[in-house]
Amino acid sequence: VQLQASGGGLVQAGGSLRLSCAASGRTFSSYGMGWFRQAPGKEREFVAAISRFGATYYADSAKGRFTISRDNVKNAVYLHMDNLKPEDTAVYYCAAQQSWSLSTQERVYGYWGQGTLVTVSS
């Protein structure tokens, strides 16, 4: 599967953004999907995941502010982000994995998009 992330941009603190990740291939519904992010000078970290069955899981930093969803007809996964903070500034990556369960581990994800930059100004 090939992934293309989009939707990043510059937003003020407290604002919202929706990231999209378009996937190629006819088996998208069989993949678990995740969003990760990498801030300047930091390691990439897990943000949110959604299983092939629609179960979701969030990093503590994302709980209550971010929502991950998927549309298996459009072959897409989304990350809706509300109440953004300057510390959310990062390159956001979508990723796909083929296990049955959710995963927060980068090593499980075999397919990655190119990343989209989110900048939150204070």
N, C-alpha and C. Protein backbone atom coordinates (compact mmCIF):
# COMPACT_ATOMS: atom_id res chain seq x y z
N VAL A 1 0.84 -1.18 0.00
CA VAL A 1 0.00 0.00 0.00
C VAL A 1 0.89 1.24 0.00
N GLN A 2 0.48 2.25 -0.77
CA GLN A 2 1.21 3.52 -0.79
C GLN A 2 0.35 4.58 -0.10
N LEU A 3 1.01 5.44 0.67
CA LEU A 3 0.30 6.41 1.49
C LEU A 3 0.73 7.82 1.15
N GLN A 4 -0.24 8.74 1.15
CA GLN A 4 0.03 10.14 0.84
C GLN A 4 -0.68 10.99 1.88
N ALA A 5 0.09 11.64 2.74
CA ALA A 5 -0.47 12.48 3.79
C ALA A 5 -0.60 13.91 3.29
N SER A 6 -1.63 14.59 3.79
CA SER A 6 -1.84 15.99 3.42
C SER A 6 -2.64 16.68 4.52
N GLY A 7 -2.76 18.00 4.40
CA GLY A 7 -3.61 18.74 5.33
C GLY A 7 -2.85 19.54 6.36
N GLY A 8 -1.54 19.42 6.39
CA GLY A 8 -0.77 20.20 7.35
C GLY A 8 -0.77 21.67 6.99
N GLY A 9 -0.27 22.48 7.90
CA GLY A 9 -0.21 23.91 7.65
C GLY A 9 0.10 24.67 8.92
N LEU A 10 -0.06 25.98 8.84
CA LEU A 10 0.19 26.87 9.97
C LEU A 10 -1.14 27.23 10.62
N VAL A 11 -1.22 27.05 11.92
CA VAL A 11 -2.44 27.36 12.65
C VAL A 11 -2.08 27.99 13.99
N GLN A 12 -2.94 28.84 14.48
CA GLN A 12 -2.71 29.45 15.79
C GLN A 12 -3.08 28.48 16.90
N ALA A 13 -2.47 28.66 18.04
CA ALA A 13 -2.80 27.84 19.20
C ALA A 13 -4.31 27.93 19.47
N GLY A 14 -4.90 26.79 19.77
CA GLY A 14 -6.33 26.72 19.99
C GLY A 14 -7.13 26.40 18.74
N GLY A 15 -6.46 26.42 17.61
CA GLY A 15 -7.13 26.14 16.35
C GLY A 15 -7.23 24.66 16.05
N SER A 16 -7.77 24.35 14.88
CA SER A 16 -7.99 22.97 14.47
C SER A 16 -7.42 22.72 13.08
N LEU A 17 -7.09 21.47 12.84
CA LEU A 17 -6.67 21.01 11.52
C LEU A 17 -7.16 19.58 11.34
N ARG A 18 -7.38 19.20 10.09
CA ARG A 18 -7.67 17.80 9.78
C ARG A 18 -6.64 17.31 8.79
N LEU A 19 -5.90 16.31 9.21
CA LEU A 19 -4.94 15.66 8.32
C LEU A 19 -5.64 14.51 7.61
N SER A 20 -5.24 14.30 6.37
CA SER A 20 -5.77 13.19 5.59
C SER A 20 -4.62 12.32 5.11
N CYS A 21 -4.91 11.06 4.93
CA CYS A 21 -3.93 10.13 4.40
C CYS A 21 -4.65 9.26 3.38
N ALA A 22 -4.29 9.43 2.13
CA ALA A 22 -4.89 8.65 1.05
C ALA A 22 -4.04 7.42 0.79
N ALA A 23 -4.70 6.28 0.67
CA ALA A 23 -4.00 5.02 0.45
C ALA A 23 -4.36 4.43 -0.90
N SER A 24 -3.37 3.86 -1.53
CA SER A 24 -3.63 3.15 -2.78
C SER A 24 -3.93 1.70 -2.48
N GLY A 25 -4.45 0.99 -3.45
CA GLY A 25 -4.66 -0.44 -3.27
C GLY A 25 -6.08 -0.78 -2.87
N ARG A 26 -6.48 -2.01 -3.19
CA ARG A 26 -7.86 -2.43 -2.93
C ARG A 26 -8.03 -3.13 -1.60
N THR A 27 -6.94 -3.27 -0.83
CA THR A 27 -7.02 -3.99 0.44
C THR A 27 -6.87 -3.06 1.63
N PHE A 28 -7.15 -1.78 1.45
CA PHE A 28 -6.97 -0.79 2.52
C PHE A 28 -7.70 -1.21 3.78
N SER A 29 -8.88 -1.76 3.66
CA SER A 29 -9.69 -2.09 4.83
C SER A 29 -9.04 -3.17 5.70
N SER A 30 -8.07 -3.88 5.19
CA SER A 30 -7.42 -4.93 5.95
C SER A 30 -6.22 -4.42 6.75
N TYR A 31 -5.90 -3.14 6.63
CA TYR A 31 -4.75 -2.57 7.32
C TYR A 31 -5.17 -1.80 8.57
N GLY A 32 -4.38 -1.97 9.62
CA GLY A 32 -4.48 -1.05 10.73
C GLY A 32 -3.68 0.20 10.38
N MET A 33 -4.16 1.34 10.82
CA MET A 33 -3.52 2.60 10.44
C MET A 33 -3.09 3.37 11.68
N GLY A 34 -2.07 4.17 11.51
CA GLY A 34 -1.59 4.97 12.63
C GLY A 34 -1.08 6.32 12.17
N TRP A 35 -1.07 7.24 13.11
CA TRP A 35 -0.44 8.54 12.89
C TRP A 35 0.70 8.68 13.90
N PHE A 36 1.84 9.13 13.41
CA PHE A 36 2.99 9.41 14.24
C PHE A 36 3.43 10.84 13.94
N ARG A 37 4.27 11.38 14.79
CA ARG A 37 4.78 12.72 14.53
C ARG A 37 6.23 12.84 15.00
N GLN A 38 6.94 13.74 14.38
CA GLN A 38 8.33 13.99 14.76
C GLN A 38 8.54 15.50 14.84
N ALA A 39 8.79 15.96 16.05
CA ALA A 39 9.06 17.37 16.28
C ALA A 39 10.54 17.64 16.03
N PRO A 40 10.89 18.88 15.76
CA PRO A 40 12.29 19.22 15.51
C PRO A 40 13.19 18.80 16.66
N GLY A 41 14.23 18.05 16.33
CA GLY A 41 15.19 17.64 17.35
C GLY A 41 14.74 16.50 18.24
N LYS A 42 13.58 15.91 17.92
CA LYS A 42 13.05 14.83 18.76
C LYS A 42 12.84 13.57 17.93
N GLU A 43 12.67 12.46 18.62
CA GLU A 43 12.38 11.21 17.94
C GLU A 43 10.90 11.16 17.54
N ARG A 44 10.65 10.36 16.55
CA ARG A 44 9.27 10.18 16.12
C ARG A 44 8.48 9.48 17.22
N GLU A 45 7.22 9.91 17.41
CA GLU A 45 6.41 9.35 18.47
C GLU A 45 5.02 9.01 17.96
N PHE A 46 4.41 8.07 18.64
CA PHE A 46 3.05 7.64 18.31
C PHE A 46 2.04 8.70 18.71
N VAL A 47 1.01 8.88 17.87
CA VAL A 47 -0.06 9.83 18.16
C VAL A 47 -1.41 9.10 18.31
N ALA A 48 -1.79 8.32 17.31
CA ALA A 48 -3.10 7.66 17.33
C ALA A 48 -3.09 6.49 16.37
N ALA A 49 -3.96 5.52 16.65
CA ALA A 49 -4.08 4.35 15.79
C ALA A 49 -5.53 3.94 15.68
N ILE A 50 -5.85 3.32 14.55
CA ILE A 50 -7.18 2.75 14.34
C ILE A 50 -7.01 1.39 13.70
N SER A 51 -7.71 0.41 14.25
CA SER A 51 -7.58 -0.95 13.74
C SER A 51 -8.43 -1.12 12.49
N ARG A 52 -8.27 -2.27 11.85
CA ARG A 52 -9.09 -2.57 10.68
C ARG A 52 -10.57 -2.66 11.06
N PHE A 53 -10.84 -2.88 12.34
CA PHE A 53 -12.22 -3.00 12.80
C PHE A 53 -12.78 -1.70 13.35
N GLY A 54 -11.93 -0.65 13.40
CA GLY A 54 -12.41 0.65 13.84
C GLY A 54 -12.11 0.99 15.28
N ALA A 55 -11.44 0.10 15.99
CA ALA A 55 -11.04 0.42 17.36
C ALA A 55 -9.94 1.48 17.32
N THR A 56 -9.94 2.35 18.30
CA THR A 56 -8.98 3.45 18.29
C THR A 56 -8.18 3.49 19.59
N TYR A 57 -7.02 4.12 19.50
CA TYR A 57 -6.16 4.30 20.67
C TYR A 57 -5.34 5.56 20.46
N TYR A 58 -5.14 6.30 21.58
CA TYR A 58 -4.45 7.58 21.48
C TYR A 58 -3.30 7.68 22.47
N ALA A 59 -2.29 8.42 22.08
CA ALA A 59 -1.28 8.81 23.04
C ALA A 59 -1.91 9.76 24.04
N ASP A 60 -1.34 9.80 25.23
CA ASP A 60 -1.91 10.68 26.26
C ASP A 60 -1.97 12.13 25.78
N SER A 61 -1.00 12.54 25.00
CA SER A 61 -0.94 13.92 24.51
C SER A 61 -2.07 14.24 23.54
N ALA A 62 -2.67 13.20 22.96
CA ALA A 62 -3.71 13.39 21.96
C ALA A 62 -5.11 13.16 22.50
N LYS A 63 -5.22 12.49 23.61
CA LYS A 63 -6.54 12.16 24.16
C LYS A 63 -7.36 13.40 24.43
N GLY A 64 -8.61 13.38 23.99
CA GLY A 64 -9.51 14.49 24.23
C GLY A 64 -9.38 15.64 23.24
N ARG A 65 -8.32 15.62 22.42
CA ARG A 65 -8.14 16.70 21.44
C ARG A 65 -8.09 16.20 20.01
N PHE A 66 -7.58 14.99 19.81
CA PHE A 66 -7.42 14.43 18.46
C PHE A 66 -8.42 13.29 18.26
N THR A 67 -8.86 13.13 17.02
CA THR A 67 -9.75 12.02 16.67
C THR A 67 -9.25 11.37 15.38
N ILE A 68 -9.01 10.09 15.44
CA ILE A 68 -8.62 9.35 14.25
C ILE A 68 -9.85 8.64 13.71
N SER A 69 -9.97 8.62 12.40
CA SER A 69 -11.09 7.94 11.76
C SER A 69 -10.64 7.41 10.41
N ARG A 70 -11.44 6.54 9.84
CA ARG A 70 -11.09 5.99 8.54
C ARG A 70 -12.33 5.86 7.68
N ASP A 71 -12.13 5.90 6.38
CA ASP A 71 -13.20 5.71 5.41
C ASP A 71 -12.71 4.65 4.43
N ASN A 72 -13.20 3.44 4.59
CA ASN A 72 -12.71 2.34 3.76
C ASN A 72 -13.23 2.39 2.33
N VAL A 73 -14.23 3.21 2.08
CA VAL A 73 -14.71 3.40 0.70
C VAL A 73 -13.76 4.34 -0.04
N LYS A 74 -13.34 5.38 0.66
CA LYS A 74 -12.43 6.36 0.05
C LYS A 74 -10.96 5.99 0.23
N ASN A 75 -10.69 4.87 0.90
CA ASN A 75 -9.31 4.46 1.17
C ASN A 75 -8.53 5.58 1.85
N ALA A 76 -9.06 6.06 2.95
CA ALA A 76 -8.43 7.19 3.62
C ALA A 76 -8.53 7.06 5.13
N VAL A 77 -7.57 7.65 5.79
CA VAL A 77 -7.60 7.78 7.24
C VAL A 77 -7.37 9.24 7.57
N TYR A 78 -8.00 9.69 8.63
CA TYR A 78 -7.97 11.10 8.99
C TYR A 78 -7.51 11.27 10.43
N LEU A 79 -6.95 12.45 10.69
CA LEU A 79 -6.63 12.83 12.06
C LEU A 79 -7.16 14.25 12.25
N HIS A 80 -8.25 14.34 12.99
CA HIS A 80 -8.83 15.65 13.29
C HIS A 80 -8.23 16.12 14.60
N MET A 81 -7.64 17.30 14.57
CA MET A 81 -6.93 17.84 15.73
C MET A 81 -7.57 19.15 16.16
N ASP A 82 -8.01 19.18 17.39
CA ASP A 82 -8.60 20.38 17.99
C ASP A 82 -7.71 20.91 19.10
N ASN A 83 -7.96 22.17 19.45
CA ASN A 83 -7.23 22.80 20.56
C ASN A 83 -5.73 22.58 20.43
N LEU A 84 -5.22 22.90 19.27
CA LEU A 84 -3.81 22.65 19.01
C LEU A 84 -2.93 23.54 19.87
N LYS A 85 -1.77 22.99 20.23
CA LYS A 85 -0.81 23.68 21.09
C LYS A 85 0.52 23.79 20.36
N PRO A 86 1.34 24.75 20.73
CA PRO A 86 2.65 24.88 20.06
C PRO A 86 3.46 23.58 20.12
N GLU A 87 3.29 22.82 21.19
CA GLU A 87 4.04 21.56 21.29
C GLU A 87 3.54 20.48 20.35
N ASP A 88 2.46 20.73 19.65
CA ASP A 88 1.99 19.81 18.61
C ASP A 88 2.71 20.03 17.28
N THR A 89 3.53 21.05 17.22
CA THR A 89 4.29 21.32 16.01
C THR A 89 5.20 20.15 15.68
N ALA A 90 5.05 19.61 14.47
CA ALA A 90 5.80 18.43 14.08
C ALA A 90 5.47 18.07 12.64
N VAL A 91 6.26 17.17 12.09
CA VAL A 91 5.87 16.52 10.85
C VAL A 91 5.05 15.29 11.22
N TYR A 92 3.88 15.20 10.65
CA TYR A 92 2.96 14.10 10.97
C TYR A 92 3.00 13.07 9.83
N TYR A 93 3.13 11.81 10.23
CA TYR A 93 3.22 10.71 9.28
C TYR A 93 2.06 9.75 9.48
N CYS A 94 1.48 9.29 8.39
CA CYS A 94 0.55 8.18 8.49
C CYS A 94 1.28 6.89 8.13
N ALA A 95 0.80 5.80 8.69
CA ALA A 95 1.47 4.52 8.50
C ALA A 95 0.43 3.40 8.51
N ALA A 96 0.77 2.29 7.86
CA ALA A 96 -0.13 1.15 7.76
C ALA A 96 0.56 -0.12 8.23
N GLN A 97 -0.22 -0.99 8.88
CA GLN A 97 0.32 -2.27 9.34
C GLN A 97 -0.73 -3.36 9.19
N GLN A 98 -0.29 -4.58 9.12
CA GLN A 98 -1.17 -5.69 8.75
C GLN A 98 -1.53 -6.61 9.89
N SER A 99 -1.22 -6.23 11.13
CA SER A 99 -1.62 -7.11 12.22
C SER A 99 -3.09 -6.90 12.56
N TRP A 100 -3.64 -7.84 13.31
CA TRP A 100 -5.06 -7.78 13.65
C TRP A 100 -5.35 -6.73 14.71
N SER A 101 -4.35 -6.38 15.50
CA SER A 101 -4.60 -5.50 16.63
C SER A 101 -4.03 -4.12 16.39
N LEU A 102 -4.41 -3.20 17.25
CA LEU A 102 -3.82 -1.87 17.24
C LEU A 102 -2.35 -1.97 17.61
N SER A 103 -1.58 -1.00 17.17
CA SER A 103 -0.20 -0.95 17.59
C SER A 103 0.26 0.49 17.73
N THR A 104 1.07 0.72 18.77
CA THR A 104 1.69 2.02 18.97
C THR A 104 3.17 1.98 18.56
N GLN A 105 3.63 0.82 18.11
CA GLN A 105 5.05 0.61 17.85
C GLN A 105 5.40 0.86 16.39
N GLU A 106 6.35 1.73 16.17
CA GLU A 106 6.77 2.04 14.80
C GLU A 106 7.18 0.79 14.03
N ARG A 107 7.88 -0.13 14.70
CA ARG A 107 8.45 -1.29 14.01
C ARG A 107 7.38 -2.19 13.42
N VAL A 108 6.15 -2.07 13.89
CA VAL A 108 5.06 -2.90 13.38
C VAL A 108 4.54 -2.38 12.04
N TYR A 109 4.72 -1.10 11.82
CA TYR A 109 4.18 -0.46 10.62
C TYR A 109 5.16 -0.61 9.45
N GLY A 110 4.70 -1.25 8.42
CA GLY A 110 5.58 -1.52 7.28
C GLY A 110 5.47 -0.52 6.15
N TYR A 111 4.48 0.34 6.23
CA TYR A 111 4.24 1.28 5.15
C TYR A 111 4.06 2.68 5.74
N TRP A 112 4.75 3.65 5.13
CA TRP A 112 4.74 5.02 5.65
C TRP A 112 4.49 6.02 4.54
N GLY A 113 3.75 7.07 4.88
CA GLY A 113 3.60 8.19 3.99
C GLY A 113 4.77 9.15 4.15
N GLN A 114 4.75 10.22 3.37
CA GLN A 114 5.90 11.12 3.32
C GLN A 114 5.90 12.19 4.41
N GLY A 115 4.81 12.34 5.13
CA GLY A 115 4.74 13.34 6.19
C GLY A 115 4.16 14.66 5.72
N THR A 116 3.49 15.31 6.65
CA THR A 116 2.94 16.64 6.40
C THR A 116 3.22 17.50 7.61
N LEU A 117 3.67 18.73 7.39
CA LEU A 117 4.13 19.59 8.48
C LEU A 117 2.97 20.36 9.10
N VAL A 118 2.89 20.27 10.40
CA VAL A 118 1.93 21.06 11.18
C VAL A 118 2.73 22.03 12.06
N THR A 119 2.41 23.30 11.93
CA THR A 119 3.08 24.32 12.74
C THR A 119 2.02 25.08 13.51
N VAL A 120 2.16 25.09 14.83
CA VAL A 120 1.20 25.77 15.69
C VAL A 120 1.90 26.96 16.33
N SER A 121 1.40 28.14 16.04
CA SER A 121 2.00 29.35 16.58
C SER A 121 1.31 29.75 17.88
N SER A 122 2.08 30.34 18.76
CA SER A 122 1.53 30.74 20.07
C SER A 122 0.97 32.16 20.02
